[in-house]
Amino acid sequence: MPNILADSPVVAIITLQSVVAVAATGQTHGCLISFADTSAMNGYLQDFIKHVPSDEHVLMVLDRAGWHRSKALCIAQNLTLLLLPAYSPELNPVELLWEQMRDKYLSNQVFRTADQLDTDVGKAWCDVTCEPETIRSLCLFTWVESPINN
């Protein structure tokens, strides 16, 4: 899985077409995937945790997709998965990133090939996530920040 951006993450989110991590610092980590299953999630978790110092603990916020709940996930000692309630996209910080990407870069287009879609999603991801303060303002919900600061 090719990296798009990588740094020291605190909170992470996965979606069907791309895997996204959002840090309290506004740094991000993500990769584009063409499918999502337990194997892909394990690959992402392995790559993700490489960017986290061993003395830091990460809270990863996820929706309830099957591959997020799989008993076959290999979860590092310094990683905790927090599953959001079912059908609660309003609680998922990554939804605001996807909204920015759709509104500013991906709407009203026809993608003639999967490669074009991957390229355009990758560019949109990089553009939307290039400003740490934008990431913090969009994704650092109070309920996420509170346990980080306490």
Foldseek 3Di string as FASTA:
>chain_A
DDKLFAAAFAEWEQDAFKTWTAHLQLGIIMDGDNGDALVVVLVVQVVRCVRHPPVAAHEYEYEVPPSLPDPPHDHDPRYDYDYDPHPCVVLALCVQLVVQLQVPFNDPDDDPDVVSVNVSSSVSSCVQSVDSVSSNVRRVDPVNVVVVVD
